Every structure is written in C-alpha cells, then in structure tokens.
Amino acid sequence: MPLPKAGKIAIGLISTGGACGGITYGCIELTSITIKERLKGALVSRGETTKWGARVVKLGSTNDEDISESLKEIKKNNSREKIEGWCYKNIDSKFKGEKDPLFLEVQKFCTYDIKDKITIVANDEGWNSGKNNDKLKKITAETKLSNTMQSIKAKLEAKPNPETDALKNWCKSAYDKQFKGGKDQDYLDAQAYCQAIQ
C-alpha cells in the first residue's frame, strides 16, 4: 500500500541523519557531541600552570551570582588543581547549545584567551611606536578587512582629529576575549593587527 506523503517525509528525515519535523513528528536526534568536541582546540591543556593560575584569578574576581553552585564551592578554596579538575570533568558533558549555562561556564573558565595565542603588545611604549597603527593604515581599499577593522582604520585616518588610540583600545579589550578557534574574526583581527612588532 502506498505510503501517505507525511510518512514518506518522516522516513526521508530519518535516512538523512536526523532532523526536526513538524508538529506530528517532533525532533529526531541521531547524533550528539560533547562540550569537549565543540571546543576542540580552544581548551587549556592539563598542566599549563600559568594559564590555570590565570583562571583562578578570573574565577576569584567573578561575582557569586554569576556562577553555578559547583564553581561557588571551588571559589571558596580556589586553586589551579580544582579549577582544572572541574573543567576536565565537565567537558565530557553533552553539548546542549551555545547558550547552555554549563557550556558558557566551561567556555569562560576552561578555554584559552586570545592573548594566550598571540604575542601581545605588552606596554604603552610598544603602542607609542605607531607600528601597529601604520600596519592597518597601509591596507589598501581592495584588501578585505572585517567591519571592525574598517571602522578602526577610518578612525585612525579621520581628519582633522584622528583617534590614534582606537586600535590600541580595541586590542587591549580583545586580548581578554575567549579564543573560539582559528576562524573566529576577533582572533584573526588580533592576530593581524594586535601583535608586537619588532
């Protein structure tokens, strides 16, 4: 007996690996990934004492109302070993989405920052040289820049009052952003224009 149209659609969804159907069929889930898999390449490695020490400081400066009960307990007697252990316990949890509270905490306290992945301009002397500003200003109009860098370049070149600190201020903010992988635009911009230039 020929299948009704709805039945054919349901079978088609199953054969292609799973999908969310309409009101009748709901959502068919055949695969799932862990937080570790979702954050592959961004997680601080075990034993990186300096970087785990920085996460201790980050947790210590975070308001209690902004963290889970499990992190509140760690914060009471904070240490590199405890925050590292918490991270490596929870990264094996199922990834439930970008806004999942556990995922957001792992992303905040268990991943590299952008500054961990580049050689930052360490002091104002480096910025005062103007080398980073010059590098961005030399980019031709034909070269593809992100919207952020286009805006900063325009500020650097504004007349009669250029904003000479526009790039520096953005870079200093970007250094502390979470590293979200090699294709993340903030990372790519920081890698290109926020690194120390000899």
N, C-alpha and C. Protein backbone atom coordinates (compact mmCIF):
# COMPACT_ATOMS: atom_id res chain seq x y z
N MET A 1 0.84 -1.19 0.00
CA MET A 1 0.00 0.00 0.00
C MET A 1 0.88 1.24 0.00
N PRO A 2 0.62 2.19 -0.87
CA PRO A 2 1.48 3.39 -0.94
C PRO A 2 1.47 4.15 0.38
N LEU A 3 2.63 4.65 0.77
CA LEU A 3 2.73 5.45 1.99
C LEU A 3 2.12 6.81 1.76
N PRO A 4 1.43 7.34 2.79
CA PRO A 4 0.96 8.73 2.67
C PRO A 4 2.15 9.67 2.61
N LYS A 5 1.92 10.85 2.10
CA LYS A 5 3.00 11.83 1.91
C LYS A 5 3.75 12.10 3.21
N ALA A 6 3.02 12.24 4.33
CA ALA A 6 3.66 12.52 5.63
C ALA A 6 4.60 11.40 6.02
N GLY A 7 4.20 10.15 5.75
CA GLY A 7 5.05 9.02 6.08
C GLY A 7 6.33 9.03 5.29
N LYS A 8 6.25 9.38 4.02
CA LYS A 8 7.45 9.47 3.19
C LYS A 8 8.40 10.53 3.71
N ILE A 9 7.86 11.65 4.15
CA ILE A 9 8.70 12.73 4.68
C ILE A 9 9.43 12.26 5.92
N ALA A 10 8.71 11.56 6.83
CA ALA A 10 9.33 11.10 8.07
C ALA A 10 10.47 10.15 7.80
N ILE A 11 10.25 9.21 6.87
CA ILE A 11 11.31 8.25 6.53
C ILE A 11 12.49 8.97 5.91
N GLY A 12 12.22 9.96 5.09
CA GLY A 12 13.29 10.73 4.47
C GLY A 12 14.14 11.43 5.49
N LEU A 13 13.51 11.98 6.53
CA LEU A 13 14.27 12.66 7.57
C LEU A 13 15.18 11.70 8.30
N ILE A 14 14.67 10.50 8.59
CA ILE A 14 15.49 9.51 9.30
C ILE A 14 16.67 9.08 8.44
N SER A 15 16.45 8.89 7.17
CA SER A 15 17.51 8.39 6.29
C SER A 15 18.62 9.40 6.09
N THR A 16 18.36 10.68 6.32
CA THR A 16 19.40 11.69 6.12
C THR A 16 20.15 12.03 7.39
N GLY A 17 19.90 11.32 8.48
CA GLY A 17 20.72 11.52 9.67
C GLY A 17 20.02 12.25 10.78
N GLY A 18 18.74 12.55 10.63
CA GLY A 18 18.02 13.17 11.74
C GLY A 18 17.69 14.60 11.46
N ALA A 19 16.52 15.02 11.91
CA ALA A 19 16.11 16.40 11.71
C ALA A 19 14.91 16.68 12.57
N CYS A 20 14.52 17.94 12.65
CA CYS A 20 13.32 18.32 13.37
C CYS A 20 12.19 18.44 12.37
N GLY A 21 11.12 17.68 12.58
CA GLY A 21 9.99 17.72 11.68
C GLY A 21 8.94 18.70 12.16
N GLY A 22 7.71 18.48 11.74
CA GLY A 22 6.63 19.38 12.11
C GLY A 22 6.01 18.99 13.43
N ILE A 23 4.75 19.41 13.60
CA ILE A 23 4.06 19.18 14.87
C ILE A 23 3.91 17.69 15.14
N THR A 24 3.63 16.90 14.11
CA THR A 24 3.33 15.48 14.29
C THR A 24 4.55 14.67 14.70
N TYR A 25 5.69 14.94 14.08
CA TYR A 25 6.84 14.06 14.25
C TYR A 25 7.87 14.56 15.25
N GLY A 26 7.84 15.82 15.61
CA GLY A 26 8.79 16.33 16.58
C GLY A 26 10.21 16.33 16.05
N CYS A 27 11.18 16.13 16.96
CA CYS A 27 12.59 16.21 16.58
C CYS A 27 13.25 14.85 16.75
N ILE A 28 13.91 14.36 15.72
CA ILE A 28 14.62 13.09 15.77
C ILE A 28 16.10 13.37 15.90
N GLU A 29 16.72 12.94 16.98
CA GLU A 29 18.13 13.21 17.21
C GLU A 29 18.91 11.91 17.14
N LEU A 30 19.81 11.79 16.17
CA LEU A 30 20.58 10.57 15.99
C LEU A 30 22.04 10.74 16.38
N THR A 31 22.51 11.97 16.49
CA THR A 31 23.90 12.20 16.86
C THR A 31 23.99 13.30 17.90
N SER A 32 25.04 13.30 18.69
CA SER A 32 25.29 14.36 19.66
C SER A 32 26.79 14.49 19.85
N ILE A 33 27.21 15.65 20.34
CA ILE A 33 28.63 15.87 20.60
C ILE A 33 28.80 16.35 22.03
N THR A 34 30.02 16.27 22.53
CA THR A 34 30.32 16.74 23.87
C THR A 34 30.82 18.18 23.82
N ILE A 35 30.87 18.81 24.98
CA ILE A 35 31.43 20.16 25.07
C ILE A 35 32.89 20.13 24.62
N LYS A 36 33.59 19.08 24.97
CA LYS A 36 35.00 18.95 24.57
C LYS A 36 35.14 18.98 23.06
N GLU A 37 34.26 18.27 22.38
CA GLU A 37 34.32 18.24 20.92
C GLU A 37 33.95 19.60 20.32
N ARG A 38 32.98 20.26 20.95
CA ARG A 38 32.56 21.57 20.44
C ARG A 38 33.67 22.60 20.60
N LEU A 39 34.48 22.48 21.67
CA LEU A 39 35.54 23.45 21.96
C LEU A 39 36.92 22.92 21.58
N LYS A 40 36.96 21.98 20.67
CA LYS A 40 38.23 21.38 20.26
C LYS A 40 39.23 22.44 19.82
N GLY A 41 40.42 22.38 20.40
CA GLY A 41 41.47 23.33 20.04
C GLY A 41 41.48 24.59 20.89
N ALA A 42 40.42 24.80 21.68
CA ALA A 42 40.33 26.02 22.48
C ALA A 42 40.53 25.78 23.97
N LEU A 43 40.52 24.52 24.39
CA LEU A 43 40.61 24.20 25.82
C LEU A 43 42.05 24.27 26.32
N VAL A 44 42.22 24.87 27.49
CA VAL A 44 43.54 24.93 28.12
C VAL A 44 43.98 23.50 28.44
N SER A 45 45.19 23.16 28.07
CA SER A 45 45.70 21.81 28.28
C SER A 45 46.01 21.56 29.75
N ARG A 46 45.95 20.31 30.13
CA ARG A 46 46.33 19.94 31.50
C ARG A 46 47.78 20.32 31.77
N GLY A 47 48.04 20.79 32.98
CA GLY A 47 49.41 21.07 33.38
C GLY A 47 49.95 22.43 32.98
N GLU A 48 49.17 23.25 32.28
CA GLU A 48 49.62 24.60 31.93
C GLU A 48 49.41 25.51 33.14
N THR A 49 50.35 25.46 34.06
CA THR A 49 50.15 26.08 35.38
C THR A 49 49.90 27.58 35.31
N THR A 50 50.62 28.27 34.46
CA THR A 50 50.44 29.73 34.36
C THR A 50 49.03 30.07 33.90
N LYS A 51 48.56 29.36 32.90
CA LYS A 51 47.23 29.64 32.36
C LYS A 51 46.13 29.22 33.32
N TRP A 52 46.32 28.11 34.02
CA TRP A 52 45.33 27.72 35.02
C TRP A 52 45.35 28.70 36.20
N GLY A 53 46.52 29.24 36.50
CA GLY A 53 46.59 30.27 37.53
C GLY A 53 45.79 31.50 37.16
N ALA A 54 45.81 31.84 35.88
CA ALA A 54 45.01 32.98 35.41
C ALA A 54 43.52 32.69 35.54
N ARG A 55 43.13 31.42 35.36
CA ARG A 55 41.71 31.07 35.52
C ARG A 55 41.29 31.13 36.98
N VAL A 56 42.23 30.85 37.88
CA VAL A 56 41.95 31.01 39.31
C VAL A 56 41.62 32.47 39.61
N VAL A 57 42.42 33.37 39.06
CA VAL A 57 42.18 34.81 39.25
C VAL A 57 40.84 35.21 38.64
N LYS A 58 40.55 34.70 37.46
CA LYS A 58 39.28 35.03 36.80
C LYS A 58 38.09 34.57 37.62
N LEU A 59 38.15 33.35 38.13
CA LEU A 59 37.05 32.85 38.96
C LEU A 59 36.93 33.66 40.25
N GLY A 60 38.07 34.00 40.84
CA GLY A 60 38.05 34.76 42.08
C GLY A 60 37.45 36.14 41.94
N SER A 61 37.53 36.70 40.75
CA SER A 61 37.00 38.05 40.52
C SER A 61 35.58 38.05 39.96
N THR A 62 35.00 36.86 39.80
CA THR A 62 33.64 36.75 39.28
C THR A 62 32.63 36.75 40.42
N ASN A 63 31.57 37.52 40.27
CA ASN A 63 30.54 37.58 41.31
C ASN A 63 29.85 36.24 41.49
N ASP A 64 29.54 35.90 42.75
CA ASP A 64 28.91 34.62 43.05
C ASP A 64 27.60 34.42 42.31
N GLU A 65 26.83 35.49 42.13
CA GLU A 65 25.53 35.35 41.47
C GLU A 65 25.67 35.01 39.98
N ASP A 66 26.88 35.10 39.47
CA ASP A 66 27.10 34.84 38.04
C ASP A 66 27.68 33.46 37.76
N ILE A 67 27.82 32.62 38.79
CA ILE A 67 28.40 31.29 38.60
C ILE A 67 27.53 30.22 39.25
N SER A 68 27.73 28.99 38.83
CA SER A 68 26.96 27.86 39.34
C SER A 68 27.39 27.50 40.76
N GLU A 69 26.59 26.67 41.41
CA GLU A 69 26.90 26.25 42.77
C GLU A 69 28.23 25.50 42.84
N SER A 70 28.51 24.69 41.82
CA SER A 70 29.76 23.92 41.84
C SER A 70 30.98 24.83 41.78
N LEU A 71 30.90 25.91 41.01
CA LEU A 71 32.02 26.85 40.95
C LEU A 71 32.09 27.72 42.20
N LYS A 72 30.95 27.98 42.82
CA LYS A 72 30.97 28.72 44.09
C LYS A 72 31.76 27.94 45.14
N GLU A 73 31.59 26.62 45.15
CA GLU A 73 32.31 25.79 46.11
C GLU A 73 33.81 25.83 45.85
N ILE A 74 34.19 25.79 44.58
CA ILE A 74 35.61 25.87 44.24
C ILE A 74 36.18 27.23 44.61
N LYS A 75 35.40 28.26 44.38
CA LYS A 75 35.85 29.63 44.66
C LYS A 75 36.19 29.83 46.14
N LYS A 76 35.52 29.10 47.03
CA LYS A 76 35.76 29.24 48.47
C LYS A 76 37.19 28.84 48.83
N ASN A 77 37.74 27.89 48.11
CA ASN A 77 39.12 27.44 48.36
C ASN A 77 39.78 27.18 47.01
N ASN A 78 39.90 28.26 46.26
CA ASN A 78 40.29 28.19 44.85
C ASN A 78 41.74 27.74 44.66
N SER A 79 41.96 26.95 43.62
CA SER A 79 43.32 26.52 43.28
C SER A 79 43.36 26.10 41.82
N ARG A 80 44.56 26.05 41.26
CA ARG A 80 44.73 25.61 39.87
C ARG A 80 44.19 24.19 39.69
N GLU A 81 44.52 23.33 40.64
CA GLU A 81 44.13 21.93 40.52
C GLU A 81 42.61 21.78 40.53
N LYS A 82 41.94 22.57 41.37
CA LYS A 82 40.49 22.44 41.47
C LYS A 82 39.77 22.94 40.23
N ILE A 83 40.18 24.08 39.72
CA ILE A 83 39.51 24.61 38.53
C ILE A 83 39.83 23.74 37.32
N GLU A 84 41.05 23.23 37.24
CA GLU A 84 41.40 22.32 36.14
C GLU A 84 40.58 21.04 36.23
N GLY A 85 40.45 20.50 37.44
CA GLY A 85 39.65 19.29 37.63
C GLY A 85 38.19 19.50 37.27
N TRP A 86 37.65 20.65 37.65
CA TRP A 86 36.25 20.97 37.32
C TRP A 86 36.08 21.01 35.81
N CYS A 87 37.01 21.65 35.14
CA CYS A 87 36.92 21.77 33.69
C CYS A 87 36.96 20.41 33.01
N TYR A 88 37.93 19.58 33.38
CA TYR A 88 38.09 18.31 32.69
C TYR A 88 37.03 17.29 33.08
N LYS A 89 36.30 17.55 34.14
CA LYS A 89 35.13 16.73 34.47
C LYS A 89 33.95 17.11 33.58
N ASN A 90 33.77 18.41 33.38
CA ASN A 90 32.56 18.88 32.71
C ASN A 90 32.66 18.93 31.19
N ILE A 91 33.87 18.88 30.64
CA ILE A 91 33.97 18.95 29.18
C ILE A 91 33.43 17.69 28.50
N ASP A 92 33.25 16.62 29.26
CA ASP A 92 32.68 15.40 28.69
C ASP A 92 31.16 15.41 28.70
N SER A 93 30.57 16.49 29.21
CA SER A 93 29.11 16.61 29.22
C SER A 93 28.60 16.87 27.80
N LYS A 94 27.36 16.52 27.58
CA LYS A 94 26.74 16.72 26.27
C LYS A 94 26.62 18.21 25.95
N PHE A 95 26.96 18.59 24.74
CA PHE A 95 26.80 19.97 24.28
C PHE A 95 25.33 20.20 23.96
N LYS A 96 24.71 21.15 24.67
CA LYS A 96 23.27 21.40 24.51
C LYS A 96 22.98 22.71 23.81
N GLY A 97 24.01 23.41 23.38
CA GLY A 97 23.78 24.67 22.68
C GLY A 97 24.67 25.78 23.19
N GLU A 98 24.80 26.83 22.39
CA GLU A 98 25.70 27.94 22.71
C GLU A 98 25.29 28.70 23.97
N LYS A 99 24.01 28.65 24.33
CA LYS A 99 23.52 29.41 25.48
C LYS A 99 23.32 28.54 26.72
N ASP A 100 23.69 27.28 26.64
CA ASP A 100 23.58 26.38 27.79
C ASP A 100 24.48 26.89 28.91
N PRO A 101 23.97 27.04 30.15
CA PRO A 101 24.77 27.60 31.25
C PRO A 101 26.09 26.87 31.50
N LEU A 102 26.07 25.54 31.44
CA LEU A 102 27.31 24.79 31.66
C LEU A 102 28.30 25.07 30.55
N PHE A 103 27.85 25.07 29.32
CA PHE A 103 28.75 25.36 28.20
C PHE A 103 29.37 26.74 28.35
N LEU A 104 28.59 27.73 28.73
CA LEU A 104 29.10 29.10 28.88
C LEU A 104 30.15 29.17 29.98
N GLU A 105 29.95 28.42 31.07
CA GLU A 105 30.95 28.42 32.15
C GLU A 105 32.23 27.73 31.71
N VAL A 106 32.11 26.62 31.02
CA VAL A 106 33.30 25.93 30.51
C VAL A 106 34.05 26.85 29.54
N GLN A 107 33.30 27.50 28.67
CA GLN A 107 33.92 28.41 27.70
C GLN A 107 34.65 29.55 28.41
N LYS A 108 34.09 30.03 29.50
CA LYS A 108 34.68 31.17 30.20
C LYS A 108 35.90 30.80 31.01
N PHE A 109 35.85 29.65 31.69
CA PHE A 109 36.91 29.32 32.65
C PHE A 109 37.88 28.22 32.19
N CYS A 110 37.60 27.59 31.08
CA CYS A 110 38.40 26.43 30.68
C CYS A 110 39.09 26.59 29.32
N THR A 111 38.83 27.69 28.63
CA THR A 111 39.42 27.88 27.31
C THR A 111 40.51 28.95 27.34
N TYR A 112 41.31 28.96 26.30
CA TYR A 112 42.33 30.00 26.15
C TYR A 112 41.67 31.35 25.90
N ASP A 113 42.37 32.41 26.28
CA ASP A 113 42.02 33.75 25.85
C ASP A 113 42.81 34.04 24.57
N ILE A 114 42.38 35.05 23.85
CA ILE A 114 43.10 35.41 22.63
C ILE A 114 44.56 35.75 22.94
N LYS A 115 44.81 36.40 24.07
CA LYS A 115 46.18 36.78 24.41
C LYS A 115 47.09 35.57 24.62
N ASP A 116 46.48 34.40 24.90
CA ASP A 116 47.28 33.18 25.05
C ASP A 116 47.79 32.66 23.72
N LYS A 117 47.21 33.13 22.64
CA LYS A 117 47.50 32.59 21.32
C LYS A 117 48.34 33.52 20.45
N ILE A 118 48.62 34.73 20.92
CA ILE A 118 49.40 35.68 20.13
C ILE A 118 50.45 36.33 21.02
N THR A 119 51.37 37.06 20.41
CA THR A 119 52.36 37.83 21.17
C THR A 119 51.84 39.25 21.31
N ILE A 120 51.35 39.58 22.49
CA ILE A 120 50.68 40.87 22.67
C ILE A 120 51.67 42.03 22.74
N VAL A 121 51.16 43.23 22.49
CA VAL A 121 51.94 44.45 22.74
C VAL A 121 51.86 44.69 24.24
N ALA A 122 52.98 44.52 24.93
CA ALA A 122 52.95 44.43 26.38
C ALA A 122 52.83 45.75 27.11
N ASN A 123 53.20 46.86 26.47
CA ASN A 123 53.18 48.13 27.20
C ASN A 123 52.91 49.30 26.24
N ASP A 124 52.72 50.47 26.83
CA ASP A 124 52.41 51.65 26.02
C ASP A 124 53.57 52.04 25.11
N GLU A 125 54.78 51.69 25.50
CA GLU A 125 55.93 52.01 24.65
C GLU A 125 55.77 51.35 23.28
N GLY A 126 55.29 50.11 23.31
CA GLY A 126 55.07 49.40 22.05
C GLY A 126 53.99 50.06 21.22
N TRP A 127 52.93 50.51 21.86
CA TRP A 127 51.87 51.19 21.12
C TRP A 127 52.31 52.56 20.63
N ASN A 128 53.11 53.24 21.43
CA ASN A 128 53.55 54.59 21.06
C ASN A 128 54.42 54.61 19.81
N SER A 129 54.99 53.47 19.46
CA SER A 129 55.81 53.42 18.25
C SER A 129 54.97 53.64 16.99
N GLY A 130 53.68 53.38 17.09
CA GLY A 130 52.79 53.58 15.95
C GLY A 130 52.85 52.49 14.89
N LYS A 131 53.64 51.45 15.13
CA LYS A 131 53.83 50.42 14.10
C LYS A 131 52.54 49.67 13.79
N ASN A 132 51.76 49.38 14.83
CA ASN A 132 50.51 48.65 14.60
C ASN A 132 49.51 49.51 13.84
N ASN A 133 49.42 50.78 14.24
CA ASN A 133 48.55 51.70 13.50
C ASN A 133 48.95 51.79 12.04
N ASP A 134 50.26 51.91 11.81
CA ASP A 134 50.76 52.03 10.43
C ASP A 134 50.43 50.79 9.61
N LYS A 135 50.53 49.63 10.23
CA LYS A 135 50.25 48.39 9.51
C LYS A 135 48.81 48.37 9.02
N LEU A 136 47.88 48.79 9.88
CA LEU A 136 46.48 48.81 9.48
C LEU A 136 46.20 49.90 8.46
N LYS A 137 46.81 51.05 8.65
CA LYS A 137 46.56 52.18 7.74
C LYS A 137 47.10 51.92 6.33
N LYS A 138 48.10 51.06 6.23
CA LYS A 138 48.68 50.76 4.92
C LYS A 138 47.84 49.79 4.09
N ILE A 139 46.85 49.19 4.73
CA ILE A 139 46.00 48.25 4.00
C ILE A 139 45.21 49.01 2.94
N THR A 140 45.24 48.51 1.71
CA THR A 140 44.54 49.19 0.62
C THR A 140 43.05 48.92 0.68
N ALA A 141 42.30 49.75 0.00
CA ALA A 141 40.84 49.62 -0.01
C ALA A 141 40.40 48.29 -0.60
N GLU A 142 41.23 47.74 -1.50
CA GLU A 142 40.87 46.50 -2.16
C GLU A 142 41.04 45.28 -1.25
N THR A 143 41.84 45.45 -0.20
CA THR A 143 42.08 44.34 0.70
C THR A 143 40.88 44.16 1.63
N LYS A 144 40.48 42.93 1.82
CA LYS A 144 39.30 42.68 2.65
C LYS A 144 39.64 42.86 4.12
N LEU A 145 38.93 43.73 4.78
CA LEU A 145 39.04 43.93 6.22
C LEU A 145 37.70 43.60 6.86
N SER A 146 37.74 43.14 8.11
CA SER A 146 36.49 42.94 8.83
C SER A 146 35.82 44.29 9.05
N ASN A 147 34.55 44.27 9.36
CA ASN A 147 33.84 45.52 9.65
C ASN A 147 34.48 46.27 10.80
N THR A 148 34.95 45.51 11.80
CA THR A 148 35.59 46.14 12.96
C THR A 148 36.86 46.87 12.54
N MET A 149 37.70 46.22 11.76
CA MET A 149 38.95 46.85 11.35
C MET A 149 38.71 47.99 10.37
N GLN A 150 37.69 47.90 9.55
CA GLN A 150 37.35 49.01 8.67
C GLN A 150 36.99 50.25 9.49
N SER A 151 36.22 50.03 10.55
CA SER A 151 35.81 51.14 11.42
C SER A 151 37.01 51.76 12.13
N ILE A 152 37.90 50.91 12.64
CA ILE A 152 39.08 51.41 13.35
C ILE A 152 40.02 52.14 12.39
N LYS A 153 40.19 51.60 11.20
CA LYS A 153 41.04 52.25 10.19
C LYS A 153 40.50 53.64 9.87
N ALA A 154 39.19 53.76 9.75
CA ALA A 154 38.59 55.06 9.47
C ALA A 154 38.85 56.05 10.60
N LYS A 155 38.82 55.57 11.83
CA LYS A 155 39.10 56.44 12.98
C LYS A 155 40.56 56.89 12.98
N LEU A 156 41.46 55.99 12.62
CA LEU A 156 42.88 56.33 12.59
C LEU A 156 43.19 57.37 11.52
N GLU A 157 42.39 57.35 10.46
CA GLU A 157 42.65 58.25 9.32
C GLU A 157 41.74 59.48 9.31
N ALA A 158 40.91 59.61 10.34
CA ALA A 158 39.97 60.74 10.37
C ALA A 158 40.71 62.07 10.42
N LYS A 159 40.19 63.06 9.70
CA LYS A 159 40.80 64.39 9.68
C LYS A 159 39.75 65.42 10.07
N PRO A 160 40.10 66.40 10.88
CA PRO A 160 41.46 66.74 11.33
C PRO A 160 41.86 66.07 12.65
N ASN A 161 40.99 65.23 13.22
CA ASN A 161 41.26 64.69 14.56
C ASN A 161 41.22 63.16 14.55
N PRO A 162 42.30 62.52 14.14
CA PRO A 162 42.33 61.05 14.15
C PRO A 162 42.31 60.50 15.58
N GLU A 163 41.66 59.35 15.76
CA GLU A 163 41.65 58.68 17.06
C GLU A 163 42.83 57.71 17.11
N THR A 164 43.96 58.20 17.54
CA THR A 164 45.20 57.42 17.46
C THR A 164 45.21 56.21 18.40
N ASP A 165 44.33 56.21 19.39
CA ASP A 165 44.27 55.08 20.33
C ASP A 165 43.18 54.07 19.98
N ALA A 166 42.53 54.25 18.85
CA ALA A 166 41.40 53.38 18.51
C ALA A 166 41.80 51.91 18.42
N LEU A 167 42.91 51.63 17.74
CA LEU A 167 43.36 50.25 17.60
C LEU A 167 43.86 49.71 18.93
N LYS A 168 44.63 50.51 19.65
CA LYS A 168 45.15 50.07 20.94
C LYS A 168 44.01 49.69 21.88
N ASN A 169 42.99 50.51 21.96
CA ASN A 169 41.88 50.25 22.87
C ASN A 169 41.14 48.97 22.49
N TRP A 170 40.95 48.78 21.19
CA TRP A 170 40.27 47.55 20.77
C TRP A 170 41.12 46.32 21.07
N CYS A 171 42.40 46.41 20.80
CA CYS A 171 43.29 45.27 21.03
C CYS A 171 43.34 44.88 22.51
N LYS A 172 43.44 45.87 23.37
CA LYS A 172 43.50 45.58 24.80
C LYS A 172 42.24 44.87 25.27
N SER A 173 41.12 45.23 24.69
CA SER A 173 39.87 44.55 25.01
C SER A 173 39.84 43.15 24.42
N ALA A 174 40.35 43.01 23.21
CA ALA A 174 40.33 41.71 22.52
C ALA A 174 41.24 40.69 23.20
N TYR A 175 42.34 41.14 23.79
CA TYR A 175 43.27 40.22 24.44
C TYR A 175 42.56 39.31 25.45
N ASP A 176 41.56 39.85 26.15
CA ASP A 176 40.89 39.10 27.21
C ASP A 176 39.66 38.34 26.73
N LYS A 177 39.36 38.43 25.45
CA LYS A 177 38.22 37.68 24.93
C LYS A 177 38.57 36.21 24.81
N GLN A 178 37.56 35.37 24.89
CA GLN A 178 37.77 33.94 24.78
C GLN A 178 38.19 33.55 23.37
N PHE A 179 39.20 32.69 23.29
CA PHE A 179 39.63 32.16 22.00
C PHE A 179 38.61 31.13 21.54
N LYS A 180 37.99 31.37 20.41
CA LYS A 180 36.92 30.49 19.92
C LYS A 180 37.33 29.70 18.68
N GLY A 181 38.62 29.62 18.45
CA GLY A 181 39.10 28.87 17.30
C GLY A 181 39.78 29.76 16.27
N GLY A 182 40.51 29.12 15.38
CA GLY A 182 41.32 29.85 14.41
C GLY A 182 40.55 30.61 13.36
N LYS A 183 39.24 30.40 13.27
CA LYS A 183 38.44 31.11 12.28
C LYS A 183 37.62 32.25 12.90
N ASP A 184 37.71 32.41 14.20
CA ASP A 184 36.96 33.48 14.88
C ASP A 184 37.49 34.84 14.44
N GLN A 185 36.61 35.75 14.07
CA GLN A 185 37.05 37.02 13.49
C GLN A 185 37.83 37.88 14.47
N ASP A 186 37.44 37.90 15.74
CA ASP A 186 38.19 38.68 16.72
C ASP A 186 39.63 38.17 16.83
N TYR A 187 39.78 36.85 16.82
CA TYR A 187 41.13 36.28 16.87
C TYR A 187 41.92 36.64 15.62
N LEU A 188 41.30 36.53 14.46
CA LEU A 188 42.00 36.85 13.21
C LEU A 188 42.43 38.31 13.17
N ASP A 189 41.57 39.21 13.64
CA ASP A 189 41.92 40.63 13.67
C ASP A 189 43.06 40.89 14.66
N ALA A 190 42.97 40.27 15.83
CA ALA A 190 44.02 40.46 16.83
C ALA A 190 45.35 39.88 16.36
N GLN A 191 45.29 38.74 15.71
CA GLN A 191 46.50 38.11 15.18
C GLN A 191 47.17 39.01 14.14
N ALA A 192 46.35 39.68 13.34
CA ALA A 192 46.89 40.51 12.26
C ALA A 192 47.38 41.87 12.72
N TYR A 193 46.70 42.49 13.69
CA TYR A 193 46.98 43.90 13.99
C TYR A 193 47.28 44.21 15.46
N CYS A 194 47.24 43.20 16.33
CA CYS A 194 47.44 43.47 17.76
C CYS A 194 48.68 42.79 18.33
N GLN A 195 49.50 42.21 17.48
CA GLN A 195 50.71 41.56 17.97
C GLN A 195 51.88 42.54 18.01
N ALA A 196 52.82 42.23 18.89
CA ALA A 196 54.02 43.06 19.00
C ALA A 196 54.79 43.03 17.68
N ILE A 197 55.23 44.20 17.24
CA ILE A 197 56.00 44.33 16.01
C ILE A 197 57.40 44.84 16.36
N GLN A 198 58.41 44.10 15.96
CA GLN A 198 59.78 44.49 16.29
C GLN A 198 60.26 45.63 15.40
